[in-house]
Amino acid sequence: MELLCPAGGPEKLRAAVRFGADAVYLAGTRFGLRAGAGNFTAEQLAEGVAFAHAHGVKAYLAVNVLAHPEDLDGLRTFLREADAADVDACVVSDPGVFTLVQEEAPRLALHVSTQASVVNARSCRFWHGLGARRIVLARELSLVEIRAIRADVPADLELEAFVHGSMCVAHSGRCLLSLALAGRDANRGRCAQPCRWKYALVEEKRPGEAFPIEQDEGGSYVMNSRDLCMVGRLADLRDAGVDSLKIEGRAKSAFYAAATAKAYRMALAALDGDPDAGTEADWRALLDRTSHRPFSTGFFYDDPRVVAQVHAADSAYRREADVVAEVVSGGDADAAGAGPVEALASQRNRFFRGERLVLIRPKGRLLEFSADDLRDGEGRAIDAARHPTMAVRLTLPAPAEPGSYLARALPPRDQTT
């Protein structure tokens, strides 16, 4: 199965590629559904695709807005630029945009976005008949339904499913709440996420007097979804016939792109029988270090508790261990049997001499160690790395290529779902 990772900007693309993506999805400054992500200028798009291809990674361009007339201005030029940048496919939801891709960039494969709400085999065959190579299935499908779809569609039609990241209370993300309350259209990439807000009830003859819709002592978040996490259940997705595993998160950090790519790469390696791939506890410990809401398995399983599985009690993000530094240079990462090395890192969050850290590299297992040898960029001993982006020298337990991360160690915990 292909591992498809988010690339919300150039730094995030490089992180996803280095940490194990088979493919990335990205967007230009227009026509994608994540206006809040960094996204790519025409020049950055060409450079990002070239970087991905140089590492054997495919690049898919999200052009998945539900297009209004004014949205079509410049789309032909944009598609020709995307074709010139050598992207591998366009992800679209609007039939009009679909036909424009065929006219302006017929070389590009067409993937039908989850925004198209494809939930049955007849819809799959409809899009395939128009020229689609892949369907990004609606997140509301169960594994039983996906298996039935796989059995009833052409063998050359690829099926993609989300396996990790934020979920939406609206069916396939097609929500008007943001437009109604904030004047920002989610279907054109500008969602204000009002489903994450706290709500109260107001009676029209008592203005200013709000009555809480009490869920618990923290308030009511009646539309707030948990995050999806299927890292320990990839065999079920494989058995259902899924071809591509998609991680949500173009608006999230470069570390999120790296950590999710690595966790799912390790899980796929375990599925292939790699004895060094670690366990679900290892993968979950890595995912716990990213910013996330409580995890669930979404709609994949026929579970009467599915509403409880999907619904979150508040809008807070969790992150259980900060990234404290990024490796600038750390020896020859491919050196066989190499031991401890002196490394240069760039600080991201304050950390202290003697603190337990974890080295997170693109390849290899996570390595926990103690930062006993801590110096500034000039080699002077320091008791803490206190200043943002300051140069820090320390001893790592093994060589690490540039772009590797150092994070605080997690205390032992139960990793059950």
Protein backbone atom coordinates (compact mmCIF):
# COMPACT_ATOMS: atom_id res chain seq x y z
CA MET A 1 0.00 0.00 0.00
CA GLU A 2 1.15 3.51 -0.81
CA LEU A 3 1.85 5.86 2.11
CA LEU A 4 0.50 9.30 1.14
CA CYS A 5 1.56 12.19 3.38
CA PRO A 6 0.61 15.87 3.67
CA ALA A 7 2.91 18.61 2.38
CA GLY A 8 1.51 21.99 3.36
CA GLY A 9 4.68 23.85 2.36
CA PRO A 10 8.27 23.21 1.20
CA GLU A 11 9.66 22.38 4.66
CA LYS A 12 6.80 19.96 5.34
CA LEU A 13 7.30 18.30 1.96
CA ARG A 14 10.98 17.69 2.66
CA ALA A 15 10.15 16.26 6.10
CA ALA A 16 7.51 13.87 4.73
CA VAL A 17 9.81 12.70 1.94
CA ARG A 18 12.79 12.12 4.24
CA PHE A 19 10.77 10.24 6.85
CA GLY A 20 9.15 7.67 4.59
CA ALA A 21 6.37 8.93 2.31
CA ASP A 22 5.75 7.10 -0.96
CA ALA A 23 3.77 10.11 -2.19
CA VAL A 24 2.86 13.59 -0.99
CA TYR A 25 -0.13 15.81 -1.69
CA LEU A 26 0.23 19.57 -1.90
CA ALA A 27 -1.51 22.64 -3.26
CA GLY A 28 -0.83 25.94 -4.94
CA THR A 29 -1.82 29.27 -3.47
CA ARG A 30 -5.30 28.86 -5.03
CA PHE A 31 -7.78 26.06 -5.71
CA GLY A 32 -6.92 23.82 -2.74
CA LEU A 33 -8.97 23.27 0.41
CA ARG A 34 -6.37 24.40 2.96
CA ALA A 35 -5.98 28.14 2.47
CA GLY A 36 -4.38 28.32 5.94
CA ALA A 37 -1.49 26.03 4.98
CA GLY A 38 1.72 27.50 3.64
CA ASN A 39 1.10 26.02 0.17
CA PHE A 40 3.34 26.50 -2.88
CA THR A 41 4.05 29.27 -5.34
CA ALA A 42 4.61 28.18 -8.94
CA GLU A 43 8.38 28.23 -8.39
CA GLN A 44 8.15 26.34 -5.09
CA LEU A 45 5.85 23.77 -6.69
CA ALA A 46 8.40 22.96 -9.40
CA GLU A 47 11.19 22.75 -6.82
CA GLY A 48 9.12 20.62 -4.43
CA VAL A 49 8.07 18.15 -7.12
CA ALA A 50 11.68 17.87 -8.32
CA PHE A 51 12.81 17.14 -4.73
CA ALA A 52 10.13 14.47 -4.32
CA HIS A 53 10.93 12.81 -7.65
CA ALA A 54 14.66 12.83 -6.87
CA HIS A 55 13.80 10.68 -3.83
CA GLY A 56 11.43 8.36 -5.71
CA VAL A 57 8.31 10.00 -4.25
CA LYS A 58 5.20 11.00 -6.23
CA ALA A 59 3.50 14.39 -5.89
CA TYR A 60 -0.26 14.91 -6.19
CA LEU A 61 -1.71 18.40 -6.56
CA ALA A 62 -4.94 19.21 -4.69
CA VAL A 63 -7.28 21.22 -6.92
CA ASN A 64 -10.31 20.19 -4.92
CA VAL A 65 -12.34 23.38 -4.39
CA LEU A 66 -16.02 23.40 -5.23
CA ALA A 67 -15.45 26.08 -7.84
CA HIS A 68 -17.59 29.20 -8.17
CA PRO A 69 -17.42 31.16 -11.45
CA GLU A 70 -14.74 33.52 -10.17
CA ASP A 71 -12.69 30.56 -8.93
CA LEU A 72 -12.22 29.46 -12.51
CA ASP A 73 -10.29 32.62 -13.38
CA GLY A 74 -6.72 31.63 -13.99
CA LEU A 75 -7.37 27.91 -13.54
CA ARG A 76 -6.26 27.02 -17.06
CA THR A 77 -2.94 28.81 -16.55
CA PHE A 78 -2.54 27.20 -13.13
CA LEU A 79 -3.07 23.71 -14.59
CA ARG A 80 -0.53 24.31 -17.33
CA GLU A 81 1.96 25.43 -14.66
CA ALA A 82 1.23 22.27 -12.68
CA ASP A 83 1.82 20.15 -15.77
CA ALA A 84 5.12 21.97 -16.41
CA ALA A 85 6.10 21.34 -12.78
CA ASP A 86 5.69 17.60 -13.53
CA VAL A 87 3.14 16.77 -10.80
CA ASP A 88 1.91 13.19 -11.06
CA ALA A 89 -1.82 13.71 -10.53
CA CYS A 90 -4.53 16.24 -9.71
CA VAL A 91 -6.97 15.61 -6.86
CA VAL A 92 -10.34 17.12 -7.82
CA SER A 93 -13.94 17.09 -6.61
CA ASP A 94 -15.71 19.43 -9.05
CA PRO A 95 -16.71 17.88 -12.43
CA GLY A 96 -15.97 21.19 -14.15
CA VAL A 97 -12.44 21.25 -12.76
CA PHE A 98 -12.11 17.58 -13.70
CA THR A 99 -12.81 18.37 -17.38
CA LEU A 100 -10.48 21.38 -17.34
CA VAL A 101 -7.62 19.15 -16.17
CA GLN A 102 -8.34 16.82 -19.08
CA GLU A 103 -8.26 19.76 -21.50
CA GLU A 104 -5.21 21.61 -20.19
CA ALA A 105 -3.07 18.83 -18.69
CA PRO A 106 -4.20 15.51 -20.18
CA ARG A 107 -0.96 13.82 -19.09
CA LEU A 108 -1.91 14.11 -15.42
CA ALA A 109 -3.72 11.30 -13.62
CA LEU A 110 -7.03 12.29 -12.04
CA HIS A 111 -7.88 11.38 -8.44
CA VAL A 112 -11.41 12.07 -7.21
CA SER A 113 -11.32 13.86 -3.86
CA THR A 114 -13.14 12.76 -0.72
CA GLN A 115 -15.16 15.98 -1.20
CA ALA A 116 -17.02 14.14 -3.98
CA SER A 117 -18.55 11.86 -1.29
CA VAL A 118 -18.03 8.58 -3.15
CA VAL A 119 -19.67 5.86 -1.04
CA ASN A 120 -20.63 3.13 -3.52
CA ALA A 121 -19.27 1.13 -6.46
CA ARG A 122 -21.59 2.71 -9.05
CA SER A 123 -20.15 6.15 -8.25
CA CYS A 124 -16.65 4.69 -8.54
CA ARG A 125 -17.45 3.24 -11.95
CA PHE A 126 -19.01 6.54 -13.05
CA TRP A 127 -15.82 8.47 -12.29
CA HIS A 128 -13.64 5.72 -13.74
CA GLY A 129 -15.62 5.90 -16.96
CA LEU A 130 -14.82 9.62 -17.17
CA GLY A 131 -11.12 8.93 -16.80
CA ALA A 132 -10.40 8.84 -13.05
CA ARG A 133 -7.52 6.64 -11.99
CA ARG A 134 -8.20 6.82 -8.24
CA ILE A 135 -11.07 7.43 -5.82
CA VAL A 136 -10.42 8.99 -2.41
CA LEU A 137 -13.23 7.27 -0.54
CA ALA A 138 -15.55 9.15 1.81
CA ARG A 139 -14.43 8.87 5.43
CA GLU A 140 -17.88 7.69 6.49
CA LEU A 141 -17.40 4.23 4.94
CA SER A 142 -16.80 1.10 7.00
CA LEU A 143 -14.24 -1.55 6.12
CA VAL A 144 -17.09 -3.90 5.20
CA GLU A 145 -18.38 -1.34 2.70
CA ILE A 146 -14.90 -0.69 1.29
CA ARG A 147 -14.41 -4.41 0.76
CA ALA A 148 -17.71 -4.59 -1.13
CA ILE A 149 -16.71 -1.61 -3.30
CA ARG A 150 -13.32 -3.13 -4.10
CA ALA A 151 -15.01 -6.32 -5.29
CA ASP A 152 -17.33 -4.39 -7.63
CA VAL A 153 -15.01 -1.91 -9.39
CA PRO A 154 -12.37 -2.34 -12.14
CA ALA A 155 -9.05 -3.73 -10.95
CA ASP A 156 -7.15 -0.74 -12.35
CA LEU A 157 -9.16 1.76 -10.30
CA GLU A 158 -7.17 2.64 -7.18
CA LEU A 159 -8.90 3.20 -3.82
CA GLU A 160 -7.49 5.66 -1.29
CA ALA A 161 -8.62 6.01 2.33
CA PHE A 162 -7.76 8.41 5.15
CA VAL A 163 -6.02 6.62 8.02
CA HIS A 164 -4.85 9.45 10.28
CA GLY A 165 -5.60 13.02 11.28
CA SER A 166 -8.47 15.43 11.86
CA MET A 167 -12.02 14.44 11.03
CA CYS A 168 -15.02 16.66 10.25
CA VAL A 169 -18.54 16.55 11.62
CA ALA A 170 -19.89 17.32 8.12
CA HIS A 171 -20.29 14.52 5.59
CA SER A 172 -17.05 14.40 3.57
CA GLY A 173 -16.18 17.84 4.88
CA ARG A 174 -18.86 19.63 2.86
CA CYS A 175 -19.91 22.08 5.55
CA LEU A 176 -21.63 25.49 5.39
CA LEU A 177 -21.31 26.32 9.08
CA SER A 178 -18.10 28.29 8.68
CA LEU A 179 -19.62 30.36 5.87
CA ALA A 180 -22.76 31.05 7.92
CA LEU A 181 -21.00 32.04 11.14
CA ALA A 182 -17.70 33.50 9.98
CA GLY A 183 -18.14 34.32 6.31
CA ARG A 184 -15.41 31.82 5.41
CA ASP A 185 -16.35 29.07 2.95
CA ALA A 186 -14.91 25.68 3.92
CA ASN A 187 -15.60 24.41 0.41
CA ARG A 188 -13.20 27.00 -0.96
CA GLY A 189 -10.44 26.31 1.54
CA ARG A 190 -11.17 28.87 4.27
CA CYS A 191 -12.80 26.88 7.10
CA ALA A 192 -12.83 28.67 10.49
CA GLN A 193 -13.61 25.35 12.25
CA PRO A 194 -16.74 26.50 14.12
CA CYS A 195 -17.44 22.83 14.92
CA ARG A 196 -14.61 23.14 17.47
CA TRP A 197 -16.24 26.09 19.25
CA LYS A 198 -18.06 25.92 22.59
CA TYR A 199 -21.80 26.58 22.29
CA ALA A 200 -24.63 27.67 24.60
CA LEU A 201 -28.40 28.07 24.20
CA VAL A 202 -29.98 31.56 24.13
CA GLU A 203 -33.73 32.23 24.44
CA GLU A 204 -34.77 35.10 22.13
CA LYS A 205 -36.61 37.08 24.86
CA ARG A 206 -33.64 36.95 27.22
CA PRO A 207 -30.81 38.52 25.21
CA GLY A 208 -27.40 38.17 26.75
CA GLU A 209 -28.44 35.28 28.99
CA ALA A 210 -26.73 32.13 27.78
CA PHE A 211 -27.62 28.66 29.00
CA PRO A 212 -24.86 26.04 28.68
CA ILE A 213 -25.70 22.83 26.82
CA GLU A 214 -23.88 20.87 29.46
CA GLN A 215 -21.87 17.91 28.29
CA ASP A 216 -19.52 17.96 31.26
CA GLU A 217 -17.83 20.46 33.50
CA GLY A 218 -15.72 21.64 30.59
CA GLY A 219 -18.69 22.76 28.52
CA SER A 220 -20.39 21.49 25.40
CA TYR A 221 -18.62 20.66 22.16
CA VAL A 222 -21.47 18.88 20.40
CA MET A 223 -19.88 18.97 16.91
CA ASN A 224 -16.25 18.34 17.78
CA SER A 225 -14.60 15.23 16.31
CA ARG A 226 -11.77 13.08 17.57
CA ASP A 227 -8.75 12.48 15.36
CA LEU A 228 -8.42 9.32 13.29
CA CYS A 229 -5.62 6.83 14.00
CA MET A 230 -5.38 3.43 12.27
CA VAL A 231 -1.66 2.83 12.77
CA GLY A 232 -2.14 -0.56 14.45
CA ARG A 233 -4.82 -1.77 12.02
CA LEU A 234 -3.25 -1.49 8.59
CA ALA A 235 -3.76 -5.20 7.91
CA ASP A 236 -7.53 -4.59 8.00
CA LEU A 237 -7.19 -1.85 5.39
CA ARG A 238 -5.00 -4.05 3.21
CA ASP A 239 -7.50 -6.89 3.44
CA ALA A 240 -10.33 -4.52 2.46
CA GLY A 241 -8.49 -3.65 -0.76
CA VAL A 242 -7.21 -0.15 -0.01
CA ASP A 243 -4.35 0.90 -2.30
CA SER A 244 -3.27 4.19 -0.68
CA LEU A 245 -3.17 5.24 2.97
CA LYS A 246 -3.72 8.98 3.37
CA ILE A 247 -2.59 11.07 6.35
CA GLU A 248 -4.45 14.35 6.91
CA GLY A 249 -2.59 17.47 8.01
CA ARG A 250 -1.36 19.95 5.40
CA ALA A 251 -1.92 22.78 7.88
CA LYS A 252 0.14 21.08 10.60
CA SER A 253 3.86 21.31 11.34
CA ALA A 254 6.88 19.82 9.59
CA PHE A 255 7.45 17.62 12.64
CA TYR A 256 3.87 16.32 12.32
CA ALA A 257 4.59 15.42 8.67
CA ALA A 258 7.81 13.67 9.69
CA ALA A 259 6.47 11.83 12.75
CA THR A 260 3.29 10.54 11.10
CA ALA A 261 5.24 9.44 8.03
CA LYS A 262 7.74 7.56 10.17
CA ALA A 263 5.12 5.93 12.42
CA TYR A 264 3.09 4.63 9.49
CA ARG A 265 6.23 3.61 7.58
CA MET A 266 7.27 1.53 10.59
CA ALA A 267 3.78 0.01 10.80
CA LEU A 268 3.88 -0.91 7.11
CA ALA A 269 7.33 -2.43 7.56
CA ALA A 270 5.96 -4.56 10.40
CA LEU A 271 3.14 -5.67 8.11
CA ASP A 272 5.82 -6.84 5.68
CA GLY A 273 7.56 -8.81 8.42
CA ASP A 274 10.45 -6.46 9.23
CA PRO A 275 11.73 -7.56 12.67
CA ASP A 276 13.19 -4.09 13.33
CA ALA A 277 9.93 -2.19 12.72
CA GLY A 278 9.00 -1.98 16.39
CA THR A 279 5.57 -2.45 17.93
CA GLU A 280 2.31 -0.55 18.04
CA ALA A 281 3.46 0.94 21.35
CA ASP A 282 6.48 2.42 19.55
CA TRP A 283 4.35 3.87 16.75
CA ARG A 284 1.78 5.29 19.15
CA ALA A 285 4.50 6.84 21.31
CA LEU A 286 5.74 8.69 18.23
CA LEU A 287 2.24 9.83 17.23
CA ASP A 288 1.57 10.98 20.80
CA ARG A 289 4.38 13.50 20.32
CA THR A 290 2.43 15.26 17.58
CA SER A 291 -0.32 17.81 18.18
CA HIS A 292 -3.61 15.89 18.10
CA ARG A 293 -7.03 15.40 19.62
CA PRO A 294 -8.01 12.10 21.27
CA PHE A 295 -7.66 9.26 18.77
CA SER A 296 -10.36 6.97 17.40
CA THR A 297 -10.85 4.48 14.56
CA GLY A 298 -13.55 6.62 12.97
CA PHE A 299 -16.25 4.84 10.97
CA PHE A 300 -14.17 1.87 9.84
CA TYR A 301 -15.70 -0.64 12.22
CA ASP A 302 -19.34 -1.61 12.63
CA ASP A 303 -19.46 -0.58 16.25
CA PRO A 304 -22.63 0.63 18.02
CA ARG A 305 -20.39 3.02 19.96
CA VAL A 306 -19.21 4.75 16.78
CA VAL A 307 -20.65 8.12 17.87
CA ALA A 308 -18.68 7.93 21.09
CA GLN A 309 -15.64 6.86 19.10
CA VAL A 310 -15.84 9.87 16.79
CA HIS A 311 -17.00 12.57 19.22
CA ALA A 312 -14.51 14.51 21.38
CA ALA A 313 -15.47 16.15 24.67
CA ASP A 314 -13.52 19.35 24.01
CA SER A 315 -11.58 21.16 21.32
CA ALA A 316 -8.16 20.92 22.95
CA TYR A 317 -5.13 19.51 21.20
CA ARG A 318 -2.78 17.17 23.03
CA ARG A 319 0.96 16.85 22.59
CA GLU A 320 2.76 14.69 25.06
CA ALA A 321 6.39 15.62 24.39
CA ASP A 322 7.90 18.72 22.86
CA VAL A 323 10.38 18.72 20.04
CA VAL A 324 13.40 20.45 21.56
CA ALA A 325 15.83 20.61 18.63
CA GLU A 326 16.46 19.77 14.99
CA VAL A 327 19.74 18.19 13.91
CA VAL A 328 21.89 20.36 11.63
CA SER A 329 24.79 17.90 11.33
CA GLY A 330 25.21 14.58 13.06
CA GLY A 331 27.82 12.39 11.42
CA ASP A 332 27.41 9.79 8.68
CA ALA A 333 23.88 8.44 9.14
CA ASP A 334 24.65 5.47 6.85
CA ALA A 335 27.75 4.37 8.72
CA ALA A 336 27.29 0.75 9.79
CA GLY A 337 27.68 0.07 13.50
CA ALA A 338 28.62 3.66 14.30
CA GLY A 339 28.45 4.66 17.94
CA PRO A 340 27.97 8.01 19.68
CA VAL A 341 28.75 11.14 17.67
CA GLU A 342 29.02 14.84 18.33
CA ALA A 343 26.19 16.72 16.65
CA LEU A 344 25.17 20.29 16.00
CA ALA A 345 21.49 21.08 16.50
CA SER A 346 19.18 24.07 16.32
CA GLN A 347 17.03 24.65 19.43
CA ARG A 348 13.23 24.57 19.10
CA ASN A 349 12.14 24.47 22.76
CA ARG A 350 14.12 25.00 25.96
CA PHE A 351 15.79 21.88 27.37
CA PHE A 352 18.38 21.14 30.04
CA ARG A 353 21.60 19.28 30.65
CA GLY A 354 20.82 15.76 31.87
CA GLU A 355 17.29 15.74 30.43
CA ARG A 356 16.13 12.48 28.83
CA LEU A 357 15.63 12.94 25.09
CA VAL A 358 14.66 10.78 22.12
CA LEU A 359 16.46 10.89 18.78
CA ILE A 360 13.97 10.58 15.91
CA ARG A 361 15.73 9.82 12.60
CA PRO A 362 14.27 9.23 9.14
CA LYS A 363 15.60 5.66 9.30
CA GLY A 364 16.13 3.42 12.26
CA ARG A 365 14.49 3.01 15.63
CA LEU A 366 13.90 5.81 18.12
CA LEU A 367 16.84 6.10 20.52
CA GLU A 368 16.48 7.44 24.05
CA PHE A 369 19.49 9.06 25.72
CA SER A 370 20.51 11.59 28.34
CA ALA A 371 21.73 15.04 27.23
CA ASP A 372 24.67 15.01 29.66
CA ASP A 373 27.06 16.70 27.25
CA LEU A 374 25.48 20.06 26.41
CA ARG A 375 27.41 22.96 24.88
CA ASP A 376 26.69 26.11 22.91
CA GLY A 377 27.73 26.66 19.31
CA GLU A 378 31.22 27.73 20.38
CA GLY A 379 31.72 24.57 22.42
CA ARG A 380 31.26 26.15 25.89
CA ALA A 381 29.46 24.00 28.48
CA ILE A 382 25.91 25.20 29.28
CA ASP A 383 23.25 24.00 31.71
CA ALA A 384 20.35 24.64 29.32
CA ALA A 385 19.53 25.49 25.70
CA ARG A 386 17.34 28.49 26.45
CA HIS A 387 17.13 30.60 23.30
CA PRO A 388 15.08 29.96 20.14
CA THR A 389 17.13 28.52 17.24
CA MET A 390 20.39 28.81 19.20
CA ALA A 391 23.16 26.46 18.08
CA VAL A 392 23.63 23.55 20.47
CA ARG A 393 26.34 20.89 20.51
CA LEU A 394 25.67 17.57 22.19
CA THR A 395 26.51 13.88 21.95
CA LEU A 396 23.98 11.67 20.18
CA PRO A 397 23.82 7.89 20.70
CA ALA A 398 24.16 7.29 16.93
CA PRO A 399 24.74 9.28 13.73
CA ALA A 400 21.75 11.28 12.51
CA GLU A 401 21.20 13.00 9.20
CA PRO A 402 20.21 16.68 9.02
CA GLY A 403 16.50 17.15 9.68
CA SER A 404 16.37 14.50 12.42
CA TYR A 405 14.55 15.61 15.57
CA LEU A 406 15.21 15.56 19.30
CA ALA A 407 12.15 15.32 21.56
CA ARG A 408 11.60 14.95 25.28
CA ALA A 409 11.30 11.35 26.43
CA LEU A 410 7.85 10.10 27.43
CA PRO A 411 7.23 8.37 30.76
CA PRO A 412 6.21 4.69 30.54
CA ARG A 413 2.48 4.33 29.86
CA ASP A 414 -0.23 1.96 28.74
CA GLN A 415 -0.46 2.23 24.94
CA THR A 416 -3.79 0.44 24.49
CA THR A 417 -6.33 2.21 22.27
